[in-house]
């Protein structure tokens, strides 16, 4: 077997990149049609999302509190590389999501106890 030429190597790399971009576009189209669009803060950058905003904030907790006041207890934030994260600030919603999808959100006993303590503490507010 002969080693691949430079042109063959470049073609292989480009083919993989095109496949990855096509896959990402297809996933975003399917995701867009299957989920409810949530409001949330706009991203400063498609590469970093809102990570810079959070890291530069002196009090990230108050930043999230202001977003809860503006967008409600469930909103989306932009993550790195144009990904989206859903933020749940309602303890009942967190409990519902964790109870609904047990396979995805199964916890170790220590984590389950910690989550139970957090949710029970927040439910009094």
N, C-alpha and C. Protein backbone atom coordinates (compact mmCIF):
# COMPACT_ATOMS: atom_id res chain seq x y z
N UNK A 1 0.84 -1.18 0.00
CA UNK A 1 0.00 0.00 0.00
C UNK A 1 0.88 1.24 0.00
N UNK A 2 0.49 2.18 -0.76
CA UNK A 2 1.23 3.43 -0.82
C UNK A 2 0.65 4.41 0.20
N UNK A 3 1.52 5.22 0.79
CA UNK A 3 0.99 6.23 1.74
C UNK A 3 0.12 7.25 0.99
N UNK A 4 -0.88 7.81 1.67
CA UNK A 4 -1.77 8.77 0.99
C UNK A 4 -1.00 10.04 0.61
N UNK A 5 -1.40 10.59 -0.51
CA UNK A 5 -0.78 11.84 -0.95
C UNK A 5 -1.37 12.99 -0.14
N UNK A 6 -0.76 14.15 -0.29
CA UNK A 6 -1.25 15.33 0.43
C UNK A 6 -2.66 15.69 0.01
N UNK A 7 -2.97 15.56 -1.27
CA UNK A 7 -4.31 15.88 -1.76
C UNK A 7 -5.35 14.94 -1.17
N UNK A 8 -5.00 13.65 -1.07
CA UNK A 8 -5.94 12.68 -0.49
C UNK A 8 -6.17 12.97 0.99
N UNK A 9 -5.12 13.36 1.70
CA UNK A 9 -5.25 13.68 3.11
C UNK A 9 -6.14 14.91 3.31
N UNK A 10 -5.92 15.93 2.49
CA UNK A 10 -6.73 17.15 2.59
C UNK A 10 -8.19 16.84 2.25
N UNK A 11 -8.41 16.02 1.23
CA UNK A 11 -9.77 15.63 0.86
C UNK A 11 -10.45 14.89 2.01
N UNK A 12 -9.73 13.98 2.67
CA UNK A 12 -10.30 13.23 3.79
C UNK A 12 -10.68 14.16 4.94
N UNK A 13 -9.82 15.10 5.26
CA UNK A 13 -10.11 16.06 6.34
C UNK A 13 -11.31 16.92 5.98
N UNK A 14 -11.37 17.41 4.74
CA UNK A 14 -12.51 18.21 4.31
C UNK A 14 -13.81 17.41 4.32
N UNK A 15 -13.74 16.16 3.93
CA UNK A 15 -14.94 15.31 3.95
C UNK A 15 -15.46 15.14 5.37
N UNK A 16 -14.57 14.93 6.32
CA UNK A 16 -14.98 14.80 7.72
C UNK A 16 -15.59 16.11 8.22
N UNK A 17 -14.97 17.23 7.89
CA UNK A 17 -15.51 18.53 8.32
C UNK A 17 -16.88 18.80 7.72
N UNK A 18 -17.07 18.50 6.46
CA UNK A 18 -18.38 18.68 5.83
C UNK A 18 -19.42 17.79 6.49
N UNK A 19 -19.05 16.56 6.80
CA UNK A 19 -19.97 15.64 7.47
C UNK A 19 -20.35 16.17 8.85
N UNK A 20 -19.40 16.70 9.60
CA UNK A 20 -19.69 17.24 10.93
C UNK A 20 -20.60 18.46 10.85
N UNK A 21 -20.35 19.35 9.92
CA UNK A 21 -21.19 20.54 9.76
C UNK A 21 -22.60 20.14 9.34
N UNK A 22 -22.72 19.20 8.40
CA UNK A 22 -24.03 18.73 7.97
C UNK A 22 -24.79 18.09 9.14
N UNK A 23 -24.09 17.30 9.94
CA UNK A 23 -24.71 16.66 11.10
C UNK A 23 -25.21 17.72 12.08
N UNK A 24 -24.40 18.73 12.34
CA UNK A 24 -24.79 19.80 13.27
C UNK A 24 -26.01 20.57 12.76
N UNK A 25 -26.04 20.87 11.47
CA UNK A 25 -27.20 21.57 10.90
C UNK A 25 -28.46 20.72 10.99
N UNK A 26 -28.33 19.45 10.71
CA UNK A 26 -29.48 18.55 10.78
C UNK A 26 -30.00 18.45 12.22
N UNK A 27 -29.09 18.33 13.17
CA UNK A 27 -29.49 18.27 14.58
C UNK A 27 -30.19 19.54 15.01
N UNK A 28 -29.70 20.70 14.59
CA UNK A 28 -30.31 21.96 14.99
C UNK A 28 -31.70 22.11 14.38
N UNK A 29 -31.90 21.64 13.15
CA UNK A 29 -33.22 21.71 12.54
C UNK A 29 -34.21 20.81 13.25
N UNK A 30 -33.80 19.59 13.57
CA UNK A 30 -34.68 18.67 14.29
C UNK A 30 -34.99 19.21 15.67
N UNK A 31 -33.98 19.72 16.36
CA UNK A 31 -34.17 20.28 17.71
C UNK A 31 -35.13 21.46 17.67
N UNK A 32 -35.00 22.30 16.68
CA UNK A 32 -35.83 23.50 16.58
C UNK A 32 -37.30 23.14 16.43
N UNK A 33 -37.61 22.06 15.73
CA UNK A 33 -38.99 21.70 15.51
C UNK A 33 -39.58 20.83 16.62
N UNK A 34 -38.75 20.25 17.46
CA UNK A 34 -39.24 19.37 18.51
C UNK A 34 -39.42 20.05 19.86
N UNK A 35 -38.87 21.23 20.05
CA UNK A 35 -38.92 21.85 21.37
C UNK A 35 -39.57 23.22 21.32
N UNK A 36 -40.04 23.65 22.47
CA UNK A 36 -40.60 24.98 22.61
C UNK A 36 -39.45 25.98 22.71
N UNK A 37 -39.56 27.07 21.98
CA UNK A 37 -38.53 28.09 22.05
C UNK A 37 -38.68 28.88 23.33
N UNK A 38 -37.64 28.93 24.10
CA UNK A 38 -37.62 29.67 25.36
C UNK A 38 -36.85 30.96 25.18
N UNK A 39 -37.27 31.98 25.88
CA UNK A 39 -36.52 33.24 25.89
C UNK A 39 -35.33 33.10 26.81
N UNK A 40 -34.37 33.98 26.65
CA UNK A 40 -33.20 33.98 27.50
C UNK A 40 -32.26 35.09 27.10
N UNK A 41 -31.20 35.27 27.85
CA UNK A 41 -30.23 36.33 27.52
C UNK A 41 -29.53 36.03 26.20
N UNK A 42 -29.20 37.10 25.49
CA UNK A 42 -28.51 36.92 24.21
C UNK A 42 -27.02 36.65 24.46
N UNK A 43 -26.45 35.87 23.59
CA UNK A 43 -25.04 35.51 23.71
C UNK A 43 -24.17 36.61 23.11
N UNK A 44 -23.07 36.90 23.77
CA UNK A 44 -22.13 37.87 23.24
C UNK A 44 -21.30 37.27 22.12
N UNK A 45 -21.09 35.98 22.18
CA UNK A 45 -20.20 35.32 21.23
C UNK A 45 -20.75 33.93 20.91
N UNK A 46 -20.62 33.49 19.66
CA UNK A 46 -21.04 32.15 19.30
C UNK A 46 -20.04 31.11 19.79
N UNK A 47 -18.83 31.54 20.04
CA UNK A 47 -17.81 30.61 20.53
C UNK A 47 -17.95 30.40 22.03
N UNK A 48 -18.11 31.48 22.81
CA UNK A 48 -18.15 31.37 24.26
C UNK A 48 -19.56 31.43 24.85
N UNK A 49 -20.55 31.85 24.07
CA UNK A 49 -21.90 31.97 24.61
C UNK A 49 -21.96 33.06 25.66
N UNK A 50 -22.55 32.73 26.81
CA UNK A 50 -22.62 33.71 27.90
C UNK A 50 -21.57 33.46 28.97
N UNK A 51 -20.62 32.58 28.69
CA UNK A 51 -19.60 32.24 29.69
C UNK A 51 -18.80 33.46 30.12
N UNK A 52 -18.47 34.34 29.19
CA UNK A 52 -17.73 35.55 29.57
C UNK A 52 -18.55 36.44 30.48
N UNK A 53 -19.84 36.59 30.17
CA UNK A 53 -20.71 37.42 30.99
C UNK A 53 -20.74 36.89 32.42
N UNK A 54 -20.87 35.59 32.55
CA UNK A 54 -20.93 34.99 33.89
C UNK A 54 -19.59 35.09 34.59
N UNK A 55 -18.49 34.82 33.88
CA UNK A 55 -17.18 34.86 34.54
C UNK A 55 -16.74 36.28 34.91
N UNK A 56 -17.21 37.28 34.16
CA UNK A 56 -16.83 38.66 34.46
C UNK A 56 -17.74 39.29 35.51
N UNK A 57 -18.85 38.64 35.82
CA UNK A 57 -19.77 39.18 36.81
C UNK A 57 -19.19 39.01 38.21
N UNK A 58 -19.34 40.03 39.04
CA UNK A 58 -18.88 39.93 40.43
C UNK A 58 -19.75 38.99 41.24
N UNK A 59 -21.04 38.93 40.89
CA UNK A 59 -21.98 38.06 41.60
C UNK A 59 -22.86 37.33 40.57
N UNK A 60 -22.42 36.14 40.12
CA UNK A 60 -23.20 35.41 39.12
C UNK A 60 -24.60 35.05 39.61
N UNK A 61 -24.76 34.87 40.90
CA UNK A 61 -26.08 34.55 41.45
C UNK A 61 -27.09 35.66 41.18
N UNK A 62 -26.67 36.90 41.37
CA UNK A 62 -27.57 38.02 41.11
C UNK A 62 -27.84 38.16 39.61
N UNK A 63 -26.89 37.75 38.79
CA UNK A 63 -27.09 37.76 37.34
C UNK A 63 -28.21 36.79 36.97
N UNK A 64 -28.16 35.58 37.53
CA UNK A 64 -29.22 34.60 37.29
C UNK A 64 -30.55 35.08 37.86
N UNK A 65 -30.52 35.73 39.02
CA UNK A 65 -31.76 36.27 39.60
C UNK A 65 -32.39 37.32 38.71
N UNK A 66 -31.56 38.17 38.09
CA UNK A 66 -32.11 39.18 37.18
C UNK A 66 -32.70 38.52 35.94
N UNK A 67 -32.08 37.42 35.47
CA UNK A 67 -32.64 36.70 34.33
C UNK A 67 -33.96 36.02 34.70
N UNK A 68 -34.07 35.53 35.94
CA UNK A 68 -35.34 34.92 36.38
C UNK A 68 -36.43 35.97 36.40
N UNK A 69 -36.11 37.18 36.89
CA UNK A 69 -37.11 38.25 36.90
C UNK A 69 -37.52 38.64 35.48
N UNK A 70 -36.57 38.63 34.56
CA UNK A 70 -36.86 39.07 33.19
C UNK A 70 -37.50 37.99 32.33
N UNK A 71 -37.03 36.73 32.44
CA UNK A 71 -37.48 35.66 31.55
C UNK A 71 -38.35 34.60 32.21
N UNK A 72 -38.48 34.62 33.52
CA UNK A 72 -39.27 33.62 34.21
C UNK A 72 -38.39 32.54 34.81
N UNK A 73 -39.04 31.55 35.43
CA UNK A 73 -38.27 30.53 36.16
C UNK A 73 -37.67 29.46 35.26
N UNK A 74 -38.05 29.43 33.98
CA UNK A 74 -37.45 28.51 33.01
C UNK A 74 -37.02 29.33 31.80
N UNK A 75 -35.74 29.29 31.49
CA UNK A 75 -35.23 30.03 30.35
C UNK A 75 -34.03 29.31 29.77
N UNK A 76 -33.58 29.76 28.61
CA UNK A 76 -32.42 29.13 27.98
C UNK A 76 -31.25 30.11 27.99
N UNK A 77 -30.07 29.55 28.04
CA UNK A 77 -28.85 30.34 27.92
C UNK A 77 -27.99 29.69 26.84
N UNK A 78 -27.19 30.50 26.19
CA UNK A 78 -26.30 30.00 25.14
C UNK A 78 -25.01 29.51 25.75
N UNK A 79 -24.65 28.30 25.42
CA UNK A 79 -23.39 27.73 25.86
C UNK A 79 -22.33 27.92 24.80
N UNK A 80 -21.18 27.30 24.99
CA UNK A 80 -20.11 27.43 23.99
C UNK A 80 -20.47 26.75 22.68
N UNK A 81 -19.95 27.29 21.59
CA UNK A 81 -20.13 26.75 20.25
C UNK A 81 -21.60 26.62 19.85
N UNK A 82 -22.37 27.64 20.18
CA UNK A 82 -23.78 27.77 19.79
C UNK A 82 -24.65 26.63 20.33
N UNK A 83 -24.32 26.11 21.50
CA UNK A 83 -25.18 25.14 22.16
C UNK A 83 -26.13 25.90 23.07
N UNK A 84 -27.18 25.24 23.48
CA UNK A 84 -28.15 25.87 24.37
C UNK A 84 -28.31 25.03 25.63
N UNK A 85 -28.49 25.71 26.73
CA UNK A 85 -28.75 25.06 28.02
C UNK A 85 -30.07 25.58 28.54
N UNK A 86 -30.85 24.74 29.16
CA UNK A 86 -32.10 25.16 29.77
C UNK A 86 -31.87 25.29 31.26
N UNK A 87 -32.25 26.43 31.81
CA UNK A 87 -32.07 26.71 33.24
C UNK A 87 -33.43 26.60 33.92
N UNK A 88 -33.51 25.74 34.92
CA UNK A 88 -34.72 25.59 35.72
C UNK A 88 -34.47 26.18 37.09
N UNK A 89 -35.29 27.16 37.49
CA UNK A 89 -35.12 27.79 38.79
C UNK A 89 -36.31 27.50 39.71
N UNK A 90 -37.21 26.66 39.27
CA UNK A 90 -38.38 26.29 40.05
C UNK A 90 -38.14 24.89 40.62
N UNK A 91 -38.12 24.74 41.95
CA UNK A 91 -37.84 23.42 42.54
C UNK A 91 -38.82 22.34 42.10
N UNK A 92 -40.08 22.70 41.90
CA UNK A 92 -41.06 21.71 41.45
C UNK A 92 -40.76 21.25 40.02
N UNK A 93 -40.29 22.16 39.19
CA UNK A 93 -39.94 21.80 37.81
C UNK A 93 -38.72 20.88 37.79
N UNK A 94 -37.74 21.17 38.64
CA UNK A 94 -36.55 20.32 38.73
C UNK A 94 -36.94 18.92 39.17
N UNK A 95 -37.80 18.83 40.19
CA UNK A 95 -38.27 17.54 40.68
C UNK A 95 -39.01 16.79 39.59
N UNK A 96 -39.85 17.49 38.84
CA UNK A 96 -40.62 16.87 37.77
C UNK A 96 -39.71 16.31 36.68
N UNK A 97 -38.72 17.09 36.26
CA UNK A 97 -37.81 16.64 35.21
C UNK A 97 -37.00 15.44 35.68
N UNK A 98 -36.51 15.49 36.90
CA UNK A 98 -35.71 14.37 37.41
C UNK A 98 -36.54 13.11 37.59
N UNK A 99 -37.82 13.27 37.96
CA UNK A 99 -38.69 12.11 38.15
C UNK A 99 -39.15 11.54 36.81
N UNK A 100 -39.27 12.39 35.81
CA UNK A 100 -39.78 11.97 34.50
C UNK A 100 -38.78 11.12 33.74
N UNK A 101 -37.54 11.49 33.76
CA UNK A 101 -36.52 10.81 32.98
C UNK A 101 -35.50 10.17 33.93
N UNK A 102 -35.92 9.09 34.56
CA UNK A 102 -35.10 8.45 35.59
C UNK A 102 -33.81 7.90 35.01
N UNK A 103 -33.85 7.36 33.81
CA UNK A 103 -32.64 6.76 33.23
C UNK A 103 -31.57 7.81 32.99
N UNK A 104 -31.95 8.99 32.53
CA UNK A 104 -30.97 10.02 32.23
C UNK A 104 -30.48 10.72 33.49
N UNK A 105 -31.35 10.88 34.48
CA UNK A 105 -30.99 11.66 35.66
C UNK A 105 -30.83 10.77 36.89
N UNK A 106 -30.42 9.54 36.72
CA UNK A 106 -30.20 8.69 37.88
C UNK A 106 -29.01 9.23 38.66
N UNK A 107 -29.11 9.17 39.95
CA UNK A 107 -28.10 9.77 40.82
C UNK A 107 -27.49 8.71 41.74
N UNK A 108 -26.27 8.97 42.15
CA UNK A 108 -25.70 8.15 43.21
C UNK A 108 -26.43 8.51 44.50
N UNK A 109 -26.41 7.66 45.50
CA UNK A 109 -27.12 7.98 46.75
C UNK A 109 -26.69 9.31 47.37
N UNK A 110 -25.41 9.63 47.31
CA UNK A 110 -24.93 10.90 47.87
C UNK A 110 -25.50 12.08 47.09
N UNK A 111 -25.44 12.02 45.77
CA UNK A 111 -25.98 13.11 44.95
C UNK A 111 -27.49 13.23 45.11
N UNK A 112 -28.18 12.11 45.22
CA UNK A 112 -29.63 12.14 45.40
C UNK A 112 -29.99 12.82 46.73
N UNK A 113 -29.25 12.54 47.79
CA UNK A 113 -29.48 13.18 49.08
C UNK A 113 -29.22 14.67 49.01
N UNK A 114 -28.12 15.04 48.35
CA UNK A 114 -27.78 16.45 48.20
C UNK A 114 -28.86 17.19 47.40
N UNK A 115 -29.30 16.62 46.29
CA UNK A 115 -30.34 17.23 45.48
C UNK A 115 -31.64 17.34 46.27
N UNK A 116 -31.96 16.31 47.04
CA UNK A 116 -33.17 16.34 47.87
C UNK A 116 -33.10 17.46 48.89
N UNK A 117 -31.94 17.64 49.51
CA UNK A 117 -31.78 18.72 50.49
C UNK A 117 -31.92 20.10 49.84
N UNK A 118 -31.35 20.26 48.65
CA UNK A 118 -31.44 21.55 47.95
C UNK A 118 -32.88 21.85 47.58
N UNK A 119 -33.57 20.88 46.99
CA UNK A 119 -34.95 21.10 46.56
C UNK A 119 -35.86 21.34 47.76
N UNK A 120 -35.68 20.59 48.84
CA UNK A 120 -36.55 20.80 50.00
C UNK A 120 -36.27 22.15 50.66
N UNK A 121 -35.02 22.61 50.64
CA UNK A 121 -34.69 23.93 51.20
C UNK A 121 -35.29 25.04 50.34
N UNK A 122 -35.19 24.90 49.03
CA UNK A 122 -35.70 25.93 48.13
C UNK A 122 -37.23 25.99 48.11
N UNK A 123 -37.89 24.87 48.41
CA UNK A 123 -39.35 24.86 48.33
C UNK A 123 -39.99 25.68 49.44
N UNK A 124 -39.23 26.05 50.47
CA UNK A 124 -39.79 26.88 51.54
C UNK A 124 -39.79 28.36 51.18
N UNK A 125 -39.07 28.76 50.12
CA UNK A 125 -38.99 30.16 49.74
C UNK A 125 -40.10 30.56 48.83
